[in-house]
Amino acid sequence: WFEIQFDKWGRTSTPEHTRITQDIFLKLDRN
């Protein structure tokens, strides 16, 4: 209604979010 023109309006409860978050954590842990 406010005409906010996102290129992508998404959400965090997705498989992509789980995969990328876990990948970043594992690299932090490894380092």
All heavy atoms as atom14 arrays in JSON, in Angstrom:
{
  "sequence": "WFEIQFDKWGRTSTPEHTRITQDIFLKLDRN",
  "atom14_mask": [
    [1, 1, 1, 1, 1, 1, 1, 1, 1, 1, 1, 1, 1, 1],
    [1, 1, 1, 1, 1, 1, 1, 1, 1, 1, 1, 0, 0, 0],
    [1, 1, 1, 1, 1, 1, 1, 1, 1, 0, 0, 0, 0, 0],
    [1, 1, 1, 1, 1, 1, 1, 1, 0, 0, 0, 0, 0, 0],
    [1, 1, 1, 1, 1, 1, 1, 1, 1, 0, 0, 0, 0, 0],
    [1, 1, 1, 1, 1, 1, 1, 1, 1, 1, 1, 0, 0, 0],
    [1, 1, 1, 1, 1, 1, 1, 1, 0, 0, 0, 0, 0, 0],
    [1, 1, 1, 1, 1, 1, 1, 1, 1, 0, 0, 0, 0, 0],
    [1, 1, 1, 1, 1, 1, 1, 1, 1, 1, 1, 1, 1, 1],
    [1, 1, 1, 1, 0, 0, 0, 0, 0, 0, 0, 0, 0, 0],
    [1, 1, 1, 1, 1, 1, 1, 1, 1, 1, 1, 0, 0, 0],
    [1, 1, 1, 1, 1, 1, 1, 0, 0, 0, 0, 0, 0, 0],
    [1, 1, 1, 1, 1, 1, 0, 0, 0, 0, 0, 0, 0, 0],
    [1, 1, 1, 1, 1, 1, 1, 0, 0, 0, 0, 0, 0, 0],
    [1, 1, 1, 1, 1, 1, 1, 0, 0, 0, 0, 0, 0, 0],
    [1, 1, 1, 1, 1, 1, 1, 1, 1, 0, 0, 0, 0, 0],
    [1, 1, 1, 1, 1, 1, 1, 1, 1, 1, 0, 0, 0, 0],
    [1, 1, 1, 1, 1, 1, 1, 0, 0, 0, 0, 0, 0, 0],
    [1, 1, 1, 1, 1, 1, 1, 1, 1, 1, 1, 0, 0, 0],
    [1, 1, 1, 1, 1, 1, 1, 1, 0, 0, 0, 0, 0, 0],
    [1, 1, 1, 1, 1, 1, 1, 0, 0, 0, 0, 0, 0, 0],
    [1, 1, 1, 1, 1, 1, 1, 1, 1, 0, 0, 0, 0, 0],
    [1, 1, 1, 1, 1, 1, 1, 1, 0, 0, 0, 0, 0, 0],
    [1, 1, 1, 1, 1, 1, 1, 1, 0, 0, 0, 0, 0, 0],
    [1, 1, 1, 1, 1, 1, 1, 1, 1, 1, 1, 0, 0, 0],
    [1, 1, 1, 1, 1, 1, 1, 1, 0, 0, 0, 0, 0, 0],
    [1, 1, 1, 1, 1, 1, 1, 1, 1, 0, 0, 0, 0, 0],
    [1, 1, 1, 1, 1, 1, 1, 1, 0, 0, 0, 0, 0, 0],
    [1, 1, 1, 1, 1, 1, 1, 1, 0, 0, 0, 0, 0, 0],
    [1, 1, 1, 1, 1, 1, 1, 1, 1, 1, 1, 0, 0, 0],
    [1, 1, 1, 1, 1, 1, 1, 1, 0, 0, 0, 0, 0, 0]
  ],
  "atom14_positions": [
    [[0.83, -1.21, 0.0], [0.0, 0.0, 0.0], [0.87, 1.26, 0.0], [0.54, 2.25, -0.66], [-0.94, 0.01, 1.21], [-1.88, 1.17, 1.18], [-3.0, 1.31, 0.41], [-1.78, 2.37, 1.95], [-3.6, 2.52, 0.66], [-2.88, 3.19, 1.6], [-0.88, 2.83, 2.9], [-3.09, 4.44, 2.16], [-1.09, 4.08, 3.47], [-2.18, 4.87, 3.09]],
    [[1.98, 1.23, 0.72], [2.9, 2.37, 0.74], [3.78, 2.43, -0.51], [4.61, 3.32, -0.63], [3.79, 2.31, 1.99], [3.16, 2.95, 3.2], [2.48, 2.18, 4.13], [3.25, 4.32, 3.42], [1.9, 2.76, 5.26], [2.68, 4.9, 4.54], [2.0, 4.13, 5.46], [0.0, 0.0, 0.0], [0.0, 0.0, 0.0], [0.0, 0.0, 0.0]],
    [[3.61, 1.49, -1.43], [4.36, 1.43, -2.69], [5.86, 1.31, -2.47], [6.66, 1.95, -3.16], [4.05, 2.64, -3.58], [2.7, 2.56, -4.26], [2.63, 3.39, -5.53], [3.49, 3.2, -6.41], [1.72, 4.22, -5.64], [0.0, 0.0, 0.0], [0.0, 0.0, 0.0], [0.0, 0.0, 0.0], [0.0, 0.0, 0.0], [0.0, 0.0, 0.0]],
    [[6.26, 0.49, -1.52], [7.68, 0.26, -1.31], [8.15, -0.75, -2.35], [7.65, -1.87, -2.43], [7.95, -0.22, 0.12], [7.53, 0.89, 1.1], [9.41, -0.6, 0.31], [7.48, 0.47, 2.54], [0.0, 0.0, 0.0], [0.0, 0.0, 0.0], [0.0, 0.0, 0.0], [0.0, 0.0, 0.0], [0.0, 0.0, 0.0], [0.0, 0.0, 0.0]],
    [[9.11, -0.34, -3.15], [9.51, -1.09, -4.34], [10.76, -1.93, -4.06], [11.87, -1.61, -4.48], [9.76, -0.12, -5.5], [9.76, -0.75, -6.87], [9.88, 0.31, -7.96], [10.86, 1.04, -8.03], [8.87, 0.41, -8.79], [0.0, 0.0, 0.0], [0.0, 0.0, 0.0], [0.0, 0.0, 0.0], [0.0, 0.0, 0.0], [0.0, 0.0, 0.0]],
    [[10.58, -3.01, -3.3], [11.68, -3.94, -3.07], [12.03, -4.65, -4.37], [11.15, -4.94, -5.18], [11.28, -5.01, -2.05], [10.78, -4.5, -0.73], [9.43, -4.57, -0.42], [11.65, -3.98, 0.2], [8.95, -4.12, 0.8], [11.18, -3.52, 1.43], [9.83, -3.6, 1.73], [0.0, 0.0, 0.0], [0.0, 0.0, 0.0], [0.0, 0.0, 0.0]],
    [[13.31, -4.95, -4.55], [13.66, -5.91, -5.6], [13.37, -7.32, -5.1], [12.99, -8.18, -5.88], [15.14, -5.76, -5.98], [15.39, -4.46, -6.74], [14.87, -4.33, -7.86], [16.06, -3.57, -6.18], [0.0, 0.0, 0.0], [0.0, 0.0, 0.0], [0.0, 0.0, 0.0], [0.0, 0.0, 0.0], [0.0, 0.0, 0.0], [0.0, 0.0, 0.0]],
    [[13.56, -7.52, -3.8], [13.19, -8.79, -3.19], [12.71, -8.53, -1.77], [13.43, -8.0, -0.94], [14.38, -9.77, -3.17], [14.07, -11.08, -2.46], [12.95, -11.88, -3.16], [12.65, -13.17, -2.41], [11.59, -13.96, -3.08], [0.0, 0.0, 0.0], [0.0, 0.0, 0.0], [0.0, 0.0, 0.0], [0.0, 0.0, 0.0], [0.0, 0.0, 0.0]],
    [[11.46, -8.91, -1.53], [10.88, -8.86, -0.19], [10.76, -10.31, 0.27], [10.01, -11.09, -0.29], [9.53, -8.17, -0.23], [8.66, -8.37, 0.99], [7.48, -9.04, 1.04], [8.9, -7.89, 2.32], [6.97, -9.01, 2.32], [7.82, -8.3, 3.12], [9.93, -7.15, 2.91], [7.74, -8.0, 4.48], [9.84, -6.85, 4.25], [8.76, -7.27, 5.03]],
    [[11.57, -10.69, 1.25], [11.64, -12.1, 1.63], [11.37, -12.32, 3.1], [10.64, -11.59, 3.75], [0.0, 0.0, 0.0], [0.0, 0.0, 0.0], [0.0, 0.0, 0.0], [0.0, 0.0, 0.0], [0.0, 0.0, 0.0], [0.0, 0.0, 0.0], [0.0, 0.0, 0.0], [0.0, 0.0, 0.0], [0.0, 0.0, 0.0], [0.0, 0.0, 0.0]],
    [[12.02, -13.35, 3.63], [11.86, -13.71, 5.04], [13.05, -14.57, 5.44], [13.77, -15.11, 4.6], [10.54, -14.45, 5.24], [10.31, -15.62, 4.32], [8.85, -16.0, 4.18], [8.21, -16.25, 5.47], [6.94, -16.65, 5.58], [6.2, -16.85, 4.51], [6.42, -16.85, 6.77], [0.0, 0.0, 0.0], [0.0, 0.0, 0.0], [0.0, 0.0, 0.0]],
    [[13.26, -14.71, 6.75], [14.45, -15.43, 7.21], [14.2, -16.92, 7.46], [15.17, -17.66, 7.66], [15.02, -14.79, 8.5], [14.0, -14.76, 9.5], [15.51, -13.39, 8.23], [0.0, 0.0, 0.0], [0.0, 0.0, 0.0], [0.0, 0.0, 0.0], [0.0, 0.0, 0.0], [0.0, 0.0, 0.0], [0.0, 0.0, 0.0], [0.0, 0.0, 0.0]],
    [[12.96, -17.35, 7.48], [12.69, -18.77, 7.77], [12.73, -19.59, 6.48], [11.75, -20.22, 6.09], [11.33, -18.93, 8.46], [10.3, -18.4, 7.64], [0.0, 0.0, 0.0], [0.0, 0.0, 0.0], [0.0, 0.0, 0.0], [0.0, 0.0, 0.0], [0.0, 0.0, 0.0], [0.0, 0.0, 0.0], [0.0, 0.0, 0.0], [0.0, 0.0, 0.0]],
    [[13.89, -19.58, 5.82], [14.05, -20.29, 4.55], [15.25, -21.24, 4.62], [16.17, -21.04, 5.43], [14.29, -19.3, 3.39], [15.54, -18.62, 3.61], [13.16, -18.3, 3.29], [0.0, 0.0, 0.0], [0.0, 0.0, 0.0], [0.0, 0.0, 0.0], [0.0, 0.0, 0.0], [0.0, 0.0, 0.0], [0.0, 0.0, 0.0], [0.0, 0.0, 0.0]],
    [[15.29, -22.25, 3.76], [16.46, -23.14, 3.72], [17.74, -22.38, 3.38], [18.82, -22.71, 3.9], [16.11, -24.15, 2.62], [14.61, -24.12, 2.54], [14.2, -22.72, 2.87], [0.0, 0.0, 0.0], [0.0, 0.0, 0.0], [0.0, 0.0, 0.0], [0.0, 0.0, 0.0], [0.0, 0.0, 0.0], [0.0, 0.0, 0.0], [0.0, 0.0, 0.0]],
    [[17.64, -21.37, 2.5], [18.82, -20.59, 2.13], [19.39, -19.87, 3.36], [20.62, -19.79, 3.52], [18.47, -19.55, 1.06], [18.14, -20.13, -0.3], [16.69, -20.56, -0.45], [15.93, -20.52, 0.57], [16.29, -20.94, -1.56], [0.0, 0.0, 0.0], [0.0, 0.0, 0.0], [0.0, 0.0, 0.0], [0.0, 0.0, 0.0], [0.0, 0.0, 0.0]],
    [[18.51, -19.38, 4.21], [18.98, -18.67, 5.4], [19.7, -19.62, 6.35], [20.77, -19.29, 6.89], [17.79, -18.01, 6.12], [18.19, -17.17, 7.29], [18.91, -16.0, 7.15], [18.0, -17.36, 8.62], [19.12, -15.49, 8.34], [18.59, -16.28, 9.26], [0.0, 0.0, 0.0], [0.0, 0.0, 0.0], [0.0, 0.0, 0.0], [0.0, 0.0, 0.0]],
    [[19.13, -20.78, 6.55], [19.78, -21.78, 7.42], [21.15, -22.16, 6.86], [22.15, -22.19, 7.6], [18.89, -23.03, 7.53], [17.67, -22.67, 8.2], [19.58, -24.13, 8.32], [0.0, 0.0, 0.0], [0.0, 0.0, 0.0], [0.0, 0.0, 0.0], [0.0, 0.0, 0.0], [0.0, 0.0, 0.0], [0.0, 0.0, 0.0], [0.0, 0.0, 0.0]],
    [[21.21, -22.42, 5.56], [22.47, -22.87, 4.93], [23.55, -21.8, 5.06], [24.7, -22.1, 5.45], [22.21, -23.21, 3.46], [23.48, -23.55, 2.67], [23.13, -24.01, 1.25], [22.33, -23.03, 0.53], [22.84, -21.96, -0.08], [24.15, -21.71, 0.0], [22.06, -21.12, -0.74], [0.0, 0.0, 0.0], [0.0, 0.0, 0.0], [0.0, 0.0, 0.0]],
    [[23.24, -20.56, 4.74], [24.25, -19.49, 4.74], [24.67, -19.14, 6.16], [25.85, -18.92, 6.45], [23.73, -18.26, 3.97], [23.6, -18.61, 2.48], [24.65, -17.06, 4.16], [22.91, -17.54, 1.65], [0.0, 0.0, 0.0], [0.0, 0.0, 0.0], [0.0, 0.0, 0.0], [0.0, 0.0, 0.0], [0.0, 0.0, 0.0], [0.0, 0.0, 0.0]],
    [[23.72, -19.09, 7.1], [24.05, -18.8, 8.5], [24.98, -19.87, 9.06], [25.99, -19.56, 9.72], [22.77, -18.71, 9.35], [21.94, -17.67, 8.83], [23.1, -18.42, 10.8], [0.0, 0.0, 0.0], [0.0, 0.0, 0.0], [0.0, 0.0, 0.0], [0.0, 0.0, 0.0], [0.0, 0.0, 0.0], [0.0, 0.0, 0.0], [0.0, 0.0, 0.0]],
    [[24.64, -21.13, 8.83], [25.48, -22.22, 9.34], [26.86, -22.2, 8.7], [27.87, -22.46, 9.37], [24.79, -23.56, 9.1], [23.56, -23.77, 9.97], [22.87, -25.1, 9.71], [23.05, -25.72, 8.66], [22.07, -25.55, 10.67], [0.0, 0.0, 0.0], [0.0, 0.0, 0.0], [0.0, 0.0, 0.0], [0.0, 0.0, 0.0], [0.0, 0.0, 0.0]],
    [[26.94, -21.88, 7.41], [28.23, -21.82, 6.72], [29.12, -20.73, 7.3], [30.32, -20.94, 7.54], [28.0, -21.58, 5.23], [29.3, -21.54, 4.44], [29.98, -22.59, 4.38], [29.64, -20.46, 3.91], [0.0, 0.0, 0.0], [0.0, 0.0, 0.0], [0.0, 0.0, 0.0], [0.0, 0.0, 0.0], [0.0, 0.0, 0.0], [0.0, 0.0, 0.0]],
    [[28.53, -19.55, 7.57], [29.3, -18.46, 8.17], [29.77, -18.84, 9.57], [30.94, -18.6, 9.94], [28.45, -17.17, 8.2], [28.32, -16.6, 6.78], [29.05, -16.13, 9.14], [27.37, -15.43, 6.66], [0.0, 0.0, 0.0], [0.0, 0.0, 0.0], [0.0, 0.0, 0.0], [0.0, 0.0, 0.0], [0.0, 0.0, 0.0], [0.0, 0.0, 0.0]],
    [[28.91, -19.47, 10.35], [29.3, -19.91, 11.69], [30.46, -20.89, 11.64], [31.43, -20.77, 12.41], [28.11, -20.56, 12.4], [28.51, -21.36, 13.61], [28.84, -20.72, 14.79], [28.6, -22.75, 13.55], [29.24, -21.46, 15.91], [28.99, -23.48, 14.65], [29.32, -22.84, 15.84], [0.0, 0.0, 0.0], [0.0, 0.0, 0.0], [0.0, 0.0, 0.0]],
    [[30.38, -21.88, 10.76], [31.43, -22.91, 10.69], [32.78, -22.29, 10.32], [33.82, -22.72, 10.82], [31.04, -23.98, 9.68], [29.87, -24.89, 10.12], [29.41, -25.77, 8.97], [30.26, -25.73, 11.33], [0.0, 0.0, 0.0], [0.0, 0.0, 0.0], [0.0, 0.0, 0.0], [0.0, 0.0, 0.0], [0.0, 0.0, 0.0], [0.0, 0.0, 0.0]],
    [[32.77, -21.27, 9.48], [34.02, -20.6, 9.12], [34.56, -19.78, 10.28], [35.78, -19.74, 10.52], [33.81, -19.73, 7.88], [33.67, -20.56, 6.6], [33.19, -19.75, 5.42], [33.05, -20.67, 4.19], [32.35, -20.01, 3.07], [0.0, 0.0, 0.0], [0.0, 0.0, 0.0], [0.0, 0.0, 0.0], [0.0, 0.0, 0.0], [0.0, 0.0, 0.0]],
    [[33.67, -19.13, 11.02], [34.1, -18.42, 12.23], [34.7, -19.4, 13.24], [35.74, -19.12, 13.87], [32.91, -17.69, 12.86], [32.41, -16.43, 12.17], [31.04, -16.04, 12.72], [33.4, -15.28, 12.37], [0.0, 0.0, 0.0], [0.0, 0.0, 0.0], [0.0, 0.0, 0.0], [0.0, 0.0, 0.0], [0.0, 0.0, 0.0], [0.0, 0.0, 0.0]],
    [[34.06, -20.54, 13.41], [34.53, -21.55, 14.36], [35.89, -22.1, 13.93], [36.81, -22.25, 14.75], [33.49, -22.68, 14.43], [33.69, -23.56, 15.66], [34.32, -23.1, 16.63], [33.19, -24.71, 15.65], [0.0, 0.0, 0.0], [0.0, 0.0, 0.0], [0.0, 0.0, 0.0], [0.0, 0.0, 0.0], [0.0, 0.0, 0.0], [0.0, 0.0, 0.0]],
    [[36.02, -22.35, 12.63], [37.28, -22.88, 12.09], [38.41, -21.88, 12.29], [39.58, -22.26, 12.51], [37.09, -23.19, 10.6], [38.25, -23.95, 9.96], [37.98, -24.19, 8.48], [36.66, -24.78, 8.27], [35.75, -24.33, 7.42], [36.0, -23.25, 6.7], [34.59, -24.94, 7.28], [0.0, 0.0, 0.0], [0.0, 0.0, 0.0], [0.0, 0.0, 0.0]],
    [[38.1, -20.59, 12.22], [39.14, -19.55, 12.36], [39.4, -19.15, 13.81], [40.17, -18.23, 14.07], [38.75, -18.32, 11.55], [38.77, -18.57, 10.06], [39.39, -19.52, 9.58], [38.08, -17.73, 9.29], [0.0, 0.0, 0.0], [0.0, 0.0, 0.0], [0.0, 0.0, 0.0], [0.0, 0.0, 0.0], [0.0, 0.0, 0.0], [0.0, 0.0, 0.0]]
  ]
}
